[in-house]
Amino acid sequence: MKLDYRQRLFLYFGLLFTLFTFGIIIFEQFREKNYKTQGLKEKLETYTDIIQVAIEHSHDSVVPAISRLQNLLPQDLRVTIISEEGKVLFDNSINDYISLDNHKDRPEIVEAQNEGKGTDIRVSESNKQKYLYFAKKADDKFIRVALLYNIKLQNFLKHDNAFLYFIILFFTVFIFFIHVTTKRLGKTIKQLRDYVLNSDKHDLDKLNFPNNEIGEIGSKIADNYFKLKESQKTVLMERQKLLQHIQVLEEGICFLSPKYEVEYHNGLFIQYLNIIADEASSDASIILTDENFSELQDFLSQDQESYFEKIISKQGKIFAVRANLFKDGSFEVILSDITKEEKTRRLKQEMTGNIAHELRTPITSIRGYLETVLDQPLSDEKKQYFIERAFHQTIALSEIIQDMSLITKMEEAPNLFNLEKTNIVQLLERVKEDLSIRLVEKHIEMKWQVPEQLEITGNENLLYSLFRNLTDNAIRYGGENMLINISVYNEDADFYYFSFYDTGIGVKDETHLNRIFERFFRISEGRTRDNGGTGLGLSIVKNAVLFHKGNISVKNRKEGGLEFLFTLKK
């Protein structure tokens, strides 16, 4: 049977006090017996002193002298006179004492020989009775007295039971006190245990601890335990939030202990790790051994830096590897796929260079024309010519800035464009009217097969720019005597499917078709800056289509010319 805390506590204290009490009883009985025995020895020594005095003052033999003392000595006192050689000279309890054995080796005689006096309790070899012997050396003799070690003497040496009764009473009272104390303490401990084991089932305020120091300690422990449980719940909740957040991160993350043991990682970490590592594995710790992460491993082996970052290119992708060391020696490793960001960065870098290159030409021309007018003596006709040329370049510069502003707005602030229902046929008529002079100059026919009531919910200006730039691109680079045709060849619940083609010269090198929507990209043959334009028209077209949730592609027509196929969300 398993004892509870209160029972064990009572047992420990009870056993300890029981041992202590029995120790006191045994000690007291031993001390009392020694005390009584010592008193009896002193009494026997007094008898030997009386006998010694009687013998010394007697001028006749020992026997008459002792006989005269019989009335002064106890009736049961045995008196023996022994010579220094051990011969019995007198014994009042043995008639034939002359024939007794030599007593020199008796324990009390040996002790008296060495110490002057000696005692012993034993059975007499002479009469087979048990005696308490006391012997004392007196000149050349040993005077020995003895009392029968009988019931009477044993009762005299018996312990005083009053002390024993007192100790037993005291023991009982103290055991009861231990019982009460351990019961109260056990009750407090039981309350604490019940609270800890059932902390989710009851309220701290309902615990009734005793109004004492132990109760105060119990209340404080329970209060701290309650706060600890609340803190644990909070930490667990925050940990779950963190893990959920880590799972949906677009980064692979792994936490490792100071002993380089993997504590946690998300699925994306393993996915990225397997792309970079030489061998595929579900074990995140291979990042500590794979050669592709040698620089990371070198960083972890030192204790100077706390942050590491490295770019790794693998399998056509670009990854950022980062590591953070924490104060406790643990660390995290983060893998990020920055392929898209890196391409965007390079594209922006390239675009910046292209913008600078595109702006340089009109600015250089304007500066050259104006310097000529200012520095050279020219006729009015020549001055007018150079001023007109500078003016045309400012228009080209303004168009580049305007187109760049439109693209930036579509990419970075699409919410600034208003949406409204736009009739496509009316919009195409505006485009044809605005470009009519150029269409006539190059003998280009423009027509469409679009339902009269077709409407799209979108931004009218962007839709206009879409069809205007496609038409302008065909006029500039398609050649003369051709047809521009626009049609809706299909529709579904969400989209209209458009075809825009011309019957011009097309693009001879079809590898250029993959880059035709890039900003400032120009095809070398027949499509140069001399033809005008900002180089941003088709880029605006693509962004306008994307703004309206559609897609666009381009191809060479078998009959000649270019065809753009795109969708616009209804």
Protein backbone atom coordinates (compact mmCIF):
# COMPACT_ATOMS: atom_id res chain seq x y z
CA MET A 1 0.00 0.00 0.00
CA LYS A 2 1.36 3.37 -1.01
CA LEU A 3 1.44 5.92 1.80
CA ASP A 4 0.45 9.50 1.15
CA TYR A 5 2.64 12.47 2.05
CA ARG A 6 1.00 13.04 5.46
CA GLN A 7 1.35 9.35 6.44
CA ARG A 8 4.99 9.27 5.38
CA LEU A 9 5.69 12.48 7.29
CA PHE A 10 3.98 11.08 10.41
CA LEU A 11 5.92 7.83 10.05
CA TYR A 12 9.26 9.62 9.70
CA PHE A 13 8.74 11.90 12.69
CA GLY A 14 7.15 9.12 14.79
CA LEU A 15 10.01 6.70 14.09
CA LEU A 16 12.59 9.39 14.85
CA PHE A 17 10.95 10.35 18.15
CA THR A 18 10.45 6.67 19.08
CA LEU A 19 14.16 5.99 18.64
CA PHE A 20 14.94 9.12 20.63
CA THR A 21 12.58 8.05 23.48
CA PHE A 22 13.93 4.50 23.66
CA GLY A 23 17.44 5.92 23.74
CA ILE A 24 16.53 8.08 26.73
CA ILE A 25 14.87 5.12 28.54
CA ILE A 26 17.84 2.81 27.99
CA PHE A 27 20.28 5.51 29.01
CA GLU A 28 18.28 6.37 32.14
CA GLN A 29 17.92 2.72 33.18
CA PHE A 30 21.61 2.11 32.69
CA ARG A 31 22.47 5.27 34.60
CA GLU A 32 20.05 4.39 37.45
CA LYS A 33 21.39 0.84 37.73
CA ASN A 34 24.95 2.11 37.87
CA TYR A 35 23.94 4.66 40.47
CA LYS A 36 22.31 2.00 42.72
CA THR A 37 25.15 -0.45 42.18
CA GLN A 38 27.64 2.23 43.10
CA GLY A 39 25.67 3.00 46.28
CA LEU A 40 25.61 -0.72 47.19
CA LYS A 41 29.36 -0.97 46.56
CA GLU A 42 29.97 1.99 48.84
CA LYS A 43 27.87 0.26 51.52
CA LEU A 44 29.85 -2.97 51.11
CA GLU A 45 33.08 -0.97 51.25
CA THR A 46 31.91 0.45 54.59
CA TYR A 47 31.48 -3.10 55.88
CA THR A 48 35.02 -3.97 54.73
CA ASP A 49 36.34 -0.88 56.49
CA ILE A 50 34.58 -1.94 59.73
CA ILE A 51 35.99 -5.45 59.44
CA GLN A 52 39.46 -4.07 58.66
CA VAL A 53 39.40 -1.88 61.78
CA ALA A 54 38.18 -4.82 63.90
CA ILE A 55 40.95 -7.06 62.60
CA GLU A 56 43.65 -4.46 63.10
CA HIS A 57 42.59 -3.82 66.76
CA SER A 58 42.21 -7.49 67.54
CA HIS A 59 45.20 -9.14 69.14
CA ASP A 60 43.88 -12.65 68.77
CA SER A 61 42.84 -14.51 65.62
CA VAL A 62 40.57 -13.21 62.85
CA VAL A 63 37.63 -15.46 63.73
CA PRO A 64 36.85 -14.06 67.18
CA ALA A 65 37.17 -10.49 65.90
CA ILE A 66 34.66 -11.02 63.14
CA SER A 67 32.37 -12.97 65.43
CA ARG A 68 32.13 -9.96 67.72
CA LEU A 69 30.96 -7.88 64.67
CA GLN A 70 28.06 -10.18 63.69
CA ASN A 71 25.54 -8.03 65.51
CA LEU A 72 26.72 -4.95 63.58
CA LEU A 73 26.67 -6.58 60.15
CA PRO A 74 23.69 -7.79 58.07
CA GLN A 75 22.65 -11.40 58.80
CA ASP A 76 23.03 -12.45 55.13
CA LEU A 77 26.41 -10.76 54.64
CA ARG A 78 29.11 -13.23 53.66
CA VAL A 79 32.54 -12.32 55.01
CA THR A 80 35.71 -13.89 53.67
CA ILE A 81 39.31 -13.16 54.69
CA ILE A 82 41.90 -14.17 52.11
CA SER A 83 45.64 -14.06 52.43
CA GLU A 84 47.83 -12.27 49.98
CA GLU A 85 48.72 -15.66 48.51
CA GLY A 86 45.03 -16.48 47.93
CA LYS A 87 44.46 -18.83 50.84
CA VAL A 88 41.05 -18.51 52.56
CA LEU A 89 41.65 -17.58 56.22
CA PHE A 90 37.97 -17.20 57.13
CA ASP A 91 34.54 -17.54 55.56
CA ASN A 92 31.43 -17.26 57.71
CA SER A 93 29.23 -19.12 55.20
CA ILE A 94 31.47 -22.15 54.76
CA ASN A 95 32.32 -24.39 57.70
CA ASP A 96 35.22 -26.13 56.07
CA TYR A 97 36.75 -22.99 54.57
CA ILE A 98 40.30 -24.33 55.14
CA SER A 99 39.77 -26.79 52.29
CA LEU A 100 38.58 -24.14 49.80
CA ASP A 101 40.54 -23.62 46.61
CA ASN A 102 43.00 -20.80 46.25
CA HIS A 103 41.10 -17.54 45.62
CA LYS A 104 43.93 -15.55 44.12
CA ASP A 105 42.46 -15.83 40.57
CA ARG A 106 38.97 -14.69 41.60
CA PRO A 107 38.01 -11.58 39.50
CA GLU A 108 37.32 -9.36 42.49
CA ILE A 109 40.65 -10.39 44.14
CA VAL A 110 42.59 -9.77 40.92
CA GLU A 111 40.98 -6.32 40.61
CA ALA A 112 41.65 -5.52 44.28
CA GLN A 113 45.25 -6.62 43.86
CA ASN A 114 45.64 -4.11 41.00
CA GLU A 115 43.26 -1.33 41.99
CA GLY A 116 42.97 -1.71 45.78
CA LYS A 117 39.34 -2.88 45.56
CA GLY A 118 37.23 -4.89 43.17
CA THR A 119 33.71 -6.20 42.52
CA ASP A 120 32.03 -9.02 40.66
CA ILE A 121 28.64 -10.73 40.34
CA ARG A 122 28.91 -14.50 39.86
CA VAL A 123 28.00 -17.93 41.20
CA SER A 124 30.18 -19.08 44.06
CA GLU A 125 32.17 -22.22 43.35
CA SER A 126 31.93 -23.08 47.05
CA ASN A 127 28.19 -23.18 47.70
CA LYS A 128 26.84 -22.64 44.15
CA GLN A 129 24.93 -19.47 45.07
CA LYS A 130 25.04 -16.18 43.17
CA TYR A 131 26.68 -13.29 45.02
CA LEU A 132 27.57 -9.66 44.60
CA TYR A 133 31.21 -9.65 45.73
CA PHE A 134 33.25 -6.69 46.98
CA ALA A 135 36.93 -7.15 47.89
CA LYS A 136 39.42 -4.72 49.41
CA LYS A 137 43.11 -5.13 50.08
CA ALA A 138 44.09 -4.40 53.67
CA ASP A 139 47.84 -4.72 54.34
CA ASP A 140 48.71 -8.36 53.63
CA LYS A 141 45.13 -9.58 53.41
CA PHE A 142 42.05 -9.27 51.25
CA ILE A 143 38.78 -8.56 53.00
CA ARG A 144 35.84 -9.71 50.89
CA VAL A 145 32.17 -9.26 51.60
CA ALA A 146 29.26 -10.55 49.52
CA LEU A 147 25.49 -10.34 49.39
CA LEU A 148 23.28 -12.99 47.86
CA TYR A 149 22.15 -11.83 44.42
CA ASN A 150 18.56 -12.83 45.13
CA ILE A 151 15.11 -11.33 44.49
CA LYS A 152 15.57 -8.87 47.29
CA LEU A 153 18.79 -7.52 45.84
CA GLN A 154 17.42 -7.58 42.33
CA ASN A 155 14.42 -5.55 43.44
CA PHE A 156 16.78 -3.10 45.03
CA LEU A 157 18.64 -2.73 41.73
CA LYS A 158 15.43 -2.69 39.72
CA HIS A 159 14.66 0.50 37.71
CA ASP A 160 12.24 3.12 38.95
CA ASN A 161 9.07 2.73 36.83
CA ALA A 162 7.82 6.26 37.57
CA PHE A 163 10.31 7.70 35.10
CA LEU A 164 9.34 5.08 32.54
CA TYR A 165 5.65 5.95 32.96
CA PHE A 166 6.45 9.63 32.53
CA ILE A 167 8.43 8.98 29.37
CA ILE A 168 5.61 6.83 27.95
CA LEU A 169 3.07 9.56 28.72
CA PHE A 170 5.32 12.21 27.18
CA PHE A 171 5.87 9.98 24.16
CA THR A 172 2.10 9.54 23.68
CA VAL A 173 1.44 13.28 23.93
CA PHE A 174 4.23 14.09 21.48
CA ILE A 175 3.04 11.44 19.01
CA PHE A 176 -0.44 12.99 19.17
CA PHE A 177 1.12 16.42 18.54
CA ILE A 178 3.00 15.00 15.53
CA HIS A 179 -0.27 13.51 14.30
CA VAL A 180 -2.07 16.86 14.49
CA THR A 181 0.82 18.81 12.93
CA THR A 182 1.39 16.39 10.07
CA LYS A 183 -2.36 16.24 9.44
CA ARG A 184 -2.53 20.02 9.01
CA LEU A 185 0.65 20.09 6.92
CA GLY A 186 -0.52 17.12 4.87
CA LYS A 187 -3.84 18.84 4.24
CA THR A 188 -2.01 21.89 2.84
CA ILE A 189 0.25 19.71 0.68
CA LYS A 190 -2.78 17.74 -0.54
CA GLN A 191 -4.53 20.97 -1.51
CA LEU A 192 -1.44 22.04 -3.46
CA ARG A 193 -1.22 18.66 -5.15
CA ASP A 194 -4.92 18.67 -6.05
CA TYR A 195 -4.57 22.18 -7.45
CA VAL A 196 -1.55 21.27 -9.57
CA LEU A 197 -3.16 18.07 -10.86
CA ASN A 198 -6.52 19.72 -11.51
CA SER A 199 -5.48 23.31 -12.19
CA ASP A 200 -7.72 23.46 -15.26
CA LYS A 201 -10.82 22.36 -13.29
CA HIS A 202 -10.98 24.84 -10.42
CA ASP A 203 -10.32 28.43 -9.52
CA LEU A 204 -7.44 29.62 -7.35
CA ASP A 205 -9.84 31.64 -5.17
CA LYS A 206 -11.66 28.47 -4.07
CA LEU A 207 -8.56 26.99 -2.40
CA ASN A 208 -8.82 27.23 1.42
CA PHE A 209 -5.29 27.15 2.85
CA PRO A 210 -4.78 27.34 6.66
CA ASN A 211 -4.16 30.78 8.15
CA ASN A 212 -0.51 30.26 9.06
CA GLU A 213 2.95 30.43 7.56
CA ILE A 214 2.48 27.15 5.69
CA GLY A 215 -0.83 28.40 4.35
CA GLU A 216 0.85 31.60 3.15
CA ILE A 217 3.53 29.57 1.42
CA GLY A 218 0.87 27.35 -0.15
CA SER A 219 -1.14 30.34 -1.35
CA LYS A 220 1.98 31.93 -2.83
CA ILE A 221 3.02 28.71 -4.55
CA ALA A 222 -0.49 28.23 -5.93
CA ASP A 223 -0.56 31.85 -7.11
CA ASN A 224 2.85 31.47 -8.81
CA TYR A 225 1.75 28.18 -10.32
CA PHE A 226 -1.40 29.82 -11.69
CA LYS A 227 0.69 32.62 -13.24
CA LEU A 228 3.11 30.05 -14.64
CA LYS A 229 0.29 28.10 -16.26
CA GLU A 230 -1.11 31.29 -17.76
CA SER A 231 2.35 32.20 -19.05
CA GLN A 232 2.76 28.72 -20.52
CA LYS A 233 -0.59 29.05 -22.29
CA THR A 234 0.44 32.44 -23.66
CA VAL A 235 3.84 31.13 -24.78
CA LEU A 236 2.23 28.07 -26.37
CA MET A 237 -0.29 30.23 -28.20
CA GLU A 238 2.43 32.59 -29.44
CA ARG A 239 4.53 29.58 -30.47
CA GLN A 240 1.62 28.17 -32.47
CA LYS A 241 1.14 31.56 -34.13
CA LEU A 242 4.84 31.72 -34.93
CA LEU A 243 4.86 28.19 -36.38
CA GLN A 244 1.79 28.96 -38.50
CA HIS A 245 3.47 32.13 -39.70
CA ILE A 246 6.67 30.23 -40.51
CA GLN A 247 4.70 27.63 -42.47
CA VAL A 248 3.18 30.26 -44.77
CA LEU A 249 6.39 32.25 -45.17
CA GLU A 250 7.83 32.46 -48.65
CA GLU A 251 11.20 31.65 -47.09
CA GLY A 252 12.66 28.35 -45.92
CA ILE A 253 13.66 28.56 -42.27
CA CYS A 254 15.39 26.12 -39.94
CA PHE A 255 16.22 26.43 -36.22
CA LEU A 256 19.22 24.54 -34.81
CA SER A 257 20.38 24.07 -31.21
CA PRO A 258 23.87 24.98 -29.90
CA LYS A 259 24.74 21.30 -30.43
CA TYR A 260 23.78 21.61 -34.14
CA GLU A 261 20.61 19.55 -33.69
CA VAL A 262 17.64 20.48 -35.89
CA GLU A 263 14.81 21.75 -33.68
CA TYR A 264 12.34 22.86 -36.35
CA HIS A 265 12.09 23.59 -40.07
CA ASN A 266 9.30 24.32 -42.52
CA GLY A 267 8.60 22.49 -45.76
CA LEU A 268 9.95 25.25 -47.99
CA PHE A 269 13.38 24.90 -46.33
CA ILE A 270 13.64 21.25 -47.45
CA GLN A 271 12.40 22.18 -50.93
CA TYR A 272 15.02 24.90 -51.40
CA LEU A 273 17.70 22.77 -49.71
CA ASN A 274 17.17 19.92 -52.17
CA ILE A 275 17.52 22.32 -55.12
CA ILE A 276 20.87 23.60 -53.84
CA ALA A 277 22.33 20.42 -52.29
CA ASP A 278 24.04 17.77 -54.37
CA GLU A 279 21.82 14.97 -53.03
CA ALA A 280 18.11 15.17 -52.23
CA SER A 281 17.19 14.44 -48.61
CA SER A 282 14.47 15.15 -46.06
CA ASP A 283 17.13 15.70 -43.39
CA ALA A 284 17.61 19.43 -42.81
CA SER A 285 20.97 18.86 -41.09
CA ILE A 286 22.70 18.14 -44.43
CA ILE A 287 23.15 21.90 -44.67
CA LEU A 288 25.97 21.38 -42.13
CA THR A 289 27.84 18.94 -44.38
CA ASP A 290 26.99 19.73 -48.01
CA GLU A 291 29.83 21.41 -49.95
CA ASN A 292 27.52 24.05 -51.42
CA PHE A 293 27.21 25.54 -47.93
CA SER A 294 30.92 25.47 -47.05
CA GLU A 295 31.04 29.21 -46.34
CA LEU A 296 28.06 28.88 -43.99
CA GLN A 297 29.81 26.02 -42.20
CA ASP A 298 32.98 28.13 -41.81
CA PHE A 299 30.87 30.93 -40.36
CA LEU A 300 29.27 28.60 -37.81
CA SER A 301 32.67 27.29 -36.70
CA GLN A 302 33.81 30.76 -35.55
CA ASP A 303 32.46 32.84 -32.68
CA GLN A 304 33.14 36.39 -33.82
CA GLU A 305 30.32 37.32 -36.22
CA SER A 306 26.61 36.89 -35.48
CA TYR A 307 25.21 37.35 -39.01
CA PHE A 308 25.97 35.65 -42.32
CA GLU A 309 24.63 36.21 -45.83
CA LYS A 310 25.58 34.60 -49.11
CA ILE A 311 24.10 34.39 -52.63
CA ILE A 312 24.04 30.92 -54.26
CA SER A 313 23.07 30.28 -57.91
CA LYS A 314 21.87 26.74 -58.58
CA GLN A 315 19.64 25.04 -61.15
CA GLY A 316 18.87 28.33 -62.87
CA LYS A 317 17.66 29.90 -59.61
CA ILE A 318 19.23 32.41 -57.25
CA PHE A 319 19.03 31.85 -53.48
CA ALA A 320 19.97 34.03 -50.53
CA VAL A 321 21.42 32.06 -47.60
CA ARG A 322 21.28 33.89 -44.26
CA ALA A 323 22.19 32.80 -40.73
CA ASN A 324 21.63 34.49 -37.38
CA LEU A 325 23.45 33.39 -34.22
CA PHE A 326 21.58 33.86 -30.93
CA LYS A 327 23.07 34.54 -27.50
CA ASP A 328 22.42 31.01 -26.21
CA GLY A 329 24.48 29.52 -29.07
CA SER A 330 21.51 28.39 -31.13
CA PHE A 331 20.98 29.77 -34.62
CA GLU A 332 18.61 29.98 -37.55
CA VAL A 333 19.29 29.45 -41.24
CA ILE A 334 17.02 31.11 -43.83
CA LEU A 335 16.86 30.17 -47.51
CA SER A 336 15.13 32.65 -49.84
CA ASP A 337 14.40 32.28 -53.53
CA ILE A 338 15.37 35.72 -54.84
CA THR A 339 15.34 34.76 -58.51
CA LYS A 340 12.42 37.07 -59.27
CA GLU A 341 13.79 39.92 -57.16
CA GLU A 342 17.21 39.57 -58.74
CA LYS A 343 15.72 39.61 -62.22
CA THR A 344 13.67 42.68 -61.28
CA ARG A 345 16.77 44.36 -59.92
CA ARG A 346 18.69 43.63 -63.08
CA LEU A 347 15.73 44.75 -65.17
CA LYS A 348 15.54 48.04 -63.29
CA GLN A 349 19.27 48.45 -63.68
CA GLU A 350 18.96 47.74 -67.38
CA MET A 351 15.91 50.01 -67.65
CA THR A 352 17.78 52.85 -65.97
CA GLY A 353 20.55 52.47 -68.50
CA ASN A 354 18.04 52.35 -71.34
CA ILE A 355 16.25 55.47 -70.10
CA ALA A 356 19.55 57.31 -69.87
CA HIS A 357 20.45 56.12 -73.37
CA GLU A 358 17.03 57.08 -74.82
CA LEU A 359 17.02 60.50 -73.18
CA ARG A 360 20.58 61.22 -74.21
CA THR A 361 19.73 61.28 -77.95
CA PRO A 362 16.98 63.97 -77.92
CA ILE A 363 18.79 66.00 -75.26
CA THR A 364 22.03 65.89 -77.26
CA SER A 365 20.16 66.88 -80.41
CA ILE A 366 18.36 69.76 -78.67
CA ARG A 367 21.63 71.01 -77.21
CA GLY A 368 23.36 70.76 -80.60
CA TYR A 369 20.61 72.64 -82.43
CA LEU A 370 20.43 75.41 -79.84
CA GLU A 371 24.23 75.79 -79.67
CA THR A 372 24.28 76.15 -83.46
CA VAL A 373 21.62 78.87 -83.33
CA LEU A 374 23.44 80.70 -80.52
CA ASP A 375 27.01 80.39 -81.74
CA GLN A 376 26.76 80.48 -85.55
CA PRO A 377 25.77 83.43 -87.78
CA LEU A 378 22.75 81.91 -89.52
CA SER A 379 20.08 83.25 -91.78
CA ASP A 380 16.54 83.47 -90.47
CA GLU A 381 15.59 80.46 -92.56
CA LYS A 382 18.39 78.32 -91.06
CA LYS A 383 17.57 79.49 -87.53
CA GLN A 384 13.94 78.54 -88.07
CA TYR A 385 15.01 75.08 -89.28
CA PHE A 386 17.21 74.34 -86.25
CA ILE A 387 14.58 75.66 -83.83
CA GLU A 388 11.96 73.40 -85.41
CA ARG A 389 14.29 70.41 -85.16
CA ALA A 390 14.88 71.18 -81.46
CA PHE A 391 11.13 71.46 -80.94
CA HIS A 392 10.51 68.01 -82.50
CA GLN A 393 13.13 66.53 -80.18
CA THR A 394 11.42 68.07 -77.15
CA ILE A 395 8.20 66.41 -78.28
CA ALA A 396 10.01 63.06 -78.49
CA LEU A 397 11.49 63.67 -75.03
CA SER A 398 8.06 64.54 -73.65
CA GLU A 399 6.58 61.34 -75.15
CA ILE A 400 9.27 59.20 -73.49
CA ILE A 401 8.62 60.82 -70.10
CA GLN A 402 4.86 60.48 -70.54
CA ASP A 403 5.07 56.81 -71.51
CA MET A 404 7.46 56.02 -68.62
CA SER A 405 5.08 57.75 -66.22
CA LEU A 406 2.15 55.67 -67.53
CA ILE A 407 4.04 52.35 -67.16
CA THR A 408 5.21 53.23 -63.64
CA LYS A 409 1.67 54.17 -62.64
CA MET A 410 0.28 50.86 -63.99
CA GLU A 411 2.89 48.83 -62.12
CA GLU A 412 3.05 50.66 -58.81
CA ALA A 413 -0.33 52.37 -58.39
CA PRO A 414 -2.97 50.51 -60.42
CA ASN A 415 -5.65 51.49 -57.90
CA LEU A 416 -5.40 55.10 -59.12
CA PHE A 417 -7.07 54.20 -62.45
CA ASN A 418 -10.83 54.60 -62.54
CA LEU A 419 -12.95 51.75 -63.92
CA GLU A 420 -15.98 52.32 -66.14
CA LYS A 421 -17.86 50.64 -68.96
CA THR A 422 -16.10 51.34 -72.27
CA ASN A 423 -17.50 50.66 -75.74
CA ILE A 424 -14.69 49.12 -77.81
CA VAL A 425 -16.10 50.09 -81.24
CA GLN A 426 -16.31 53.76 -80.25
CA LEU A 427 -12.78 53.56 -78.87
CA LEU A 428 -11.48 52.06 -82.17
CA GLU A 429 -13.14 54.83 -84.13
CA ARG A 430 -11.26 57.40 -82.00
CA VAL A 431 -7.96 55.64 -82.69
CA LYS A 432 -8.63 55.54 -86.44
CA GLU A 433 -9.59 59.20 -86.49
CA ASP A 434 -6.50 60.27 -84.49
CA LEU A 435 -4.16 58.35 -86.81
CA SER A 436 -6.05 58.97 -90.06
CA ILE A 437 -3.41 61.25 -91.63
CA ARG A 438 -0.64 58.67 -91.12
CA LEU A 439 -2.90 55.86 -92.31
CA VAL A 440 -3.62 57.76 -95.51
CA GLU A 441 0.05 58.66 -96.03
CA LYS A 442 1.07 54.97 -95.98
CA HIS A 443 -2.05 53.71 -97.78
CA ILE A 444 -3.08 51.55 -94.83
CA GLU A 445 -6.64 50.29 -94.40
CA MET A 446 -7.93 49.77 -90.85
CA LYS A 447 -11.08 47.75 -90.15
CA TRP A 448 -12.58 45.55 -87.39
CA GLN A 449 -15.12 42.82 -86.71
CA VAL A 450 -16.32 43.78 -83.24
CA PRO A 451 -19.96 43.75 -82.03
CA GLU A 452 -21.35 47.28 -81.88
CA GLN A 453 -22.50 46.93 -78.25
CA LEU A 454 -19.36 45.20 -76.90
CA GLU A 455 -18.40 46.85 -73.61
CA ILE A 456 -15.59 46.17 -71.15
CA THR A 457 -15.45 47.37 -67.54
CA GLY A 458 -12.00 48.91 -67.40
CA ASN A 459 -10.01 52.12 -67.70
CA GLU A 460 -10.85 53.94 -70.91
CA ASN A 461 -7.46 55.69 -71.21
CA LEU A 462 -5.52 52.44 -70.84
CA LEU A 463 -7.76 50.64 -73.35
CA TYR A 464 -7.24 53.52 -75.76
CA SER A 465 -3.43 53.33 -75.22
CA LEU A 466 -3.58 49.57 -75.87
CA PHE A 467 -5.22 49.84 -79.31
CA ARG A 468 -3.46 53.14 -80.17
CA ASN A 469 0.01 51.71 -79.54
CA LEU A 470 -0.73 48.49 -81.45
CA THR A 471 -1.95 50.55 -84.39
CA ASP A 472 0.97 53.00 -84.12
CA ASN A 473 3.42 50.08 -84.02
CA ALA A 474 1.91 48.61 -87.22
CA ILE A 475 2.04 51.99 -89.01
CA ARG A 476 5.67 52.62 -88.01
CA TYR A 477 7.16 49.22 -88.76
CA GLY A 478 4.71 47.26 -90.93
CA GLY A 479 5.36 49.11 -94.19
CA GLU A 480 2.92 50.58 -96.75
CA ASN A 481 -0.11 49.34 -98.66
CA MET A 482 -1.30 46.91 -95.99
CA LEU A 483 -4.33 46.06 -93.87
CA ILE A 484 -4.83 46.37 -90.10
CA ASN A 485 -7.60 44.13 -88.79
CA ILE A 486 -9.10 43.81 -85.31
CA SER A 487 -11.58 41.09 -84.37
CA VAL A 488 -13.17 39.28 -81.42
CA TYR A 489 -12.74 35.65 -82.34
CA ASN A 490 -14.06 34.09 -79.13
CA GLU A 491 -15.61 34.79 -75.74
CA ASP A 492 -16.48 32.89 -72.55
CA ALA A 493 -18.08 33.73 -69.22
CA ASP A 494 -15.17 35.94 -68.15
CA PHE A 495 -13.14 37.06 -71.17
CA TYR A 496 -13.23 38.45 -74.71
CA TYR A 497 -10.55 37.05 -77.05
CA PHE A 498 -9.08 39.64 -79.44
CA SER A 499 -6.95 39.33 -82.57
CA PHE A 500 -4.97 42.35 -83.87
CA TYR A 501 -2.92 41.76 -87.02
CA ASP A 502 -1.39 43.60 -89.95
CA THR A 503 -0.38 42.35 -93.38
CA GLY A 504 3.02 44.08 -93.27
CA ILE A 505 6.57 42.77 -93.29
CA GLY A 506 6.45 41.04 -89.85
CA VAL A 507 9.62 40.13 -87.95
CA LYS A 508 12.18 38.12 -89.92
CA ASP A 509 14.13 36.83 -86.89
CA GLU A 510 11.48 35.18 -84.71
CA THR A 511 13.86 35.01 -81.74
CA HIS A 512 13.10 38.72 -81.26
CA LEU A 513 9.43 37.95 -80.65
CA ASN A 514 10.24 36.79 -77.06
CA ARG A 515 11.55 40.28 -76.24
CA ILE A 516 9.20 42.46 -78.24
CA PHE A 517 7.33 43.65 -75.12
CA GLU A 518 10.52 44.70 -73.27
CA ARG A 519 11.05 48.39 -72.65
CA PHE A 520 13.24 50.15 -75.22
CA PHE A 521 13.81 46.90 -77.13
CA ARG A 522 14.22 47.58 -80.86
CA ILE A 523 14.58 45.15 -83.74
CA SER A 524 17.62 46.17 -85.76
CA GLU A 525 16.21 45.65 -89.23
CA GLY A 526 13.60 48.17 -90.27
CA ARG A 527 12.62 49.11 -86.71
CA THR A 528 15.10 51.77 -85.58
CA ARG A 529 14.92 55.03 -83.71
CA ASP A 530 14.81 56.78 -87.08
CA ASN A 531 11.22 55.61 -87.42
CA GLY A 532 10.30 57.56 -84.31
CA GLY A 533 8.56 56.27 -81.20
CA THR A 534 9.75 55.94 -77.63
CA GLY A 535 10.43 52.19 -77.59
CA LEU A 536 7.81 51.82 -74.86
CA GLY A 537 4.65 51.33 -76.90
CA LEU A 538 4.42 47.53 -76.73
CA SER A 539 5.46 47.55 -73.07
CA ILE A 540 2.47 49.84 -72.41
CA VAL A 541 0.29 47.43 -74.40
CA LYS A 542 1.35 44.45 -72.27
CA ASN A 543 0.83 46.31 -68.98
CA ALA A 544 -2.60 47.53 -70.12
CA VAL A 545 -3.63 43.93 -70.91
CA LEU A 546 -2.32 42.71 -67.53
CA PHE A 547 -4.19 45.54 -65.79
CA HIS A 548 -7.41 44.17 -67.32
CA LYS A 549 -6.62 40.62 -66.04
CA GLY A 550 -5.70 39.35 -69.49
CA ASN A 551 -2.73 37.85 -71.34
CA ILE A 552 -1.05 38.74 -74.65
CA SER A 553 1.17 36.94 -77.15
CA VAL A 554 2.58 37.72 -80.60
CA LYS A 555 3.42 35.66 -83.68
CA ASN A 556 4.27 36.00 -87.35
CA ARG A 557 1.33 35.34 -89.64
CA LYS A 558 1.80 32.73 -92.36
CA GLU A 559 0.36 35.22 -94.86
CA GLY A 560 2.76 37.94 -93.65
CA GLY A 561 2.69 40.52 -90.90
CA LEU A 562 2.37 40.33 -87.14
CA GLU A 563 -0.61 39.08 -85.12
CA PHE A 564 -1.22 39.96 -81.46
CA LEU A 565 -3.59 37.66 -79.58
CA PHE A 566 -4.85 38.93 -76.23
CA THR A 567 -7.72 38.62 -73.75
CA LEU A 568 -9.58 41.27 -71.79
CA LYS A 569 -11.74 40.47 -68.77
CA LYS A 570 -15.37 41.38 -69.35
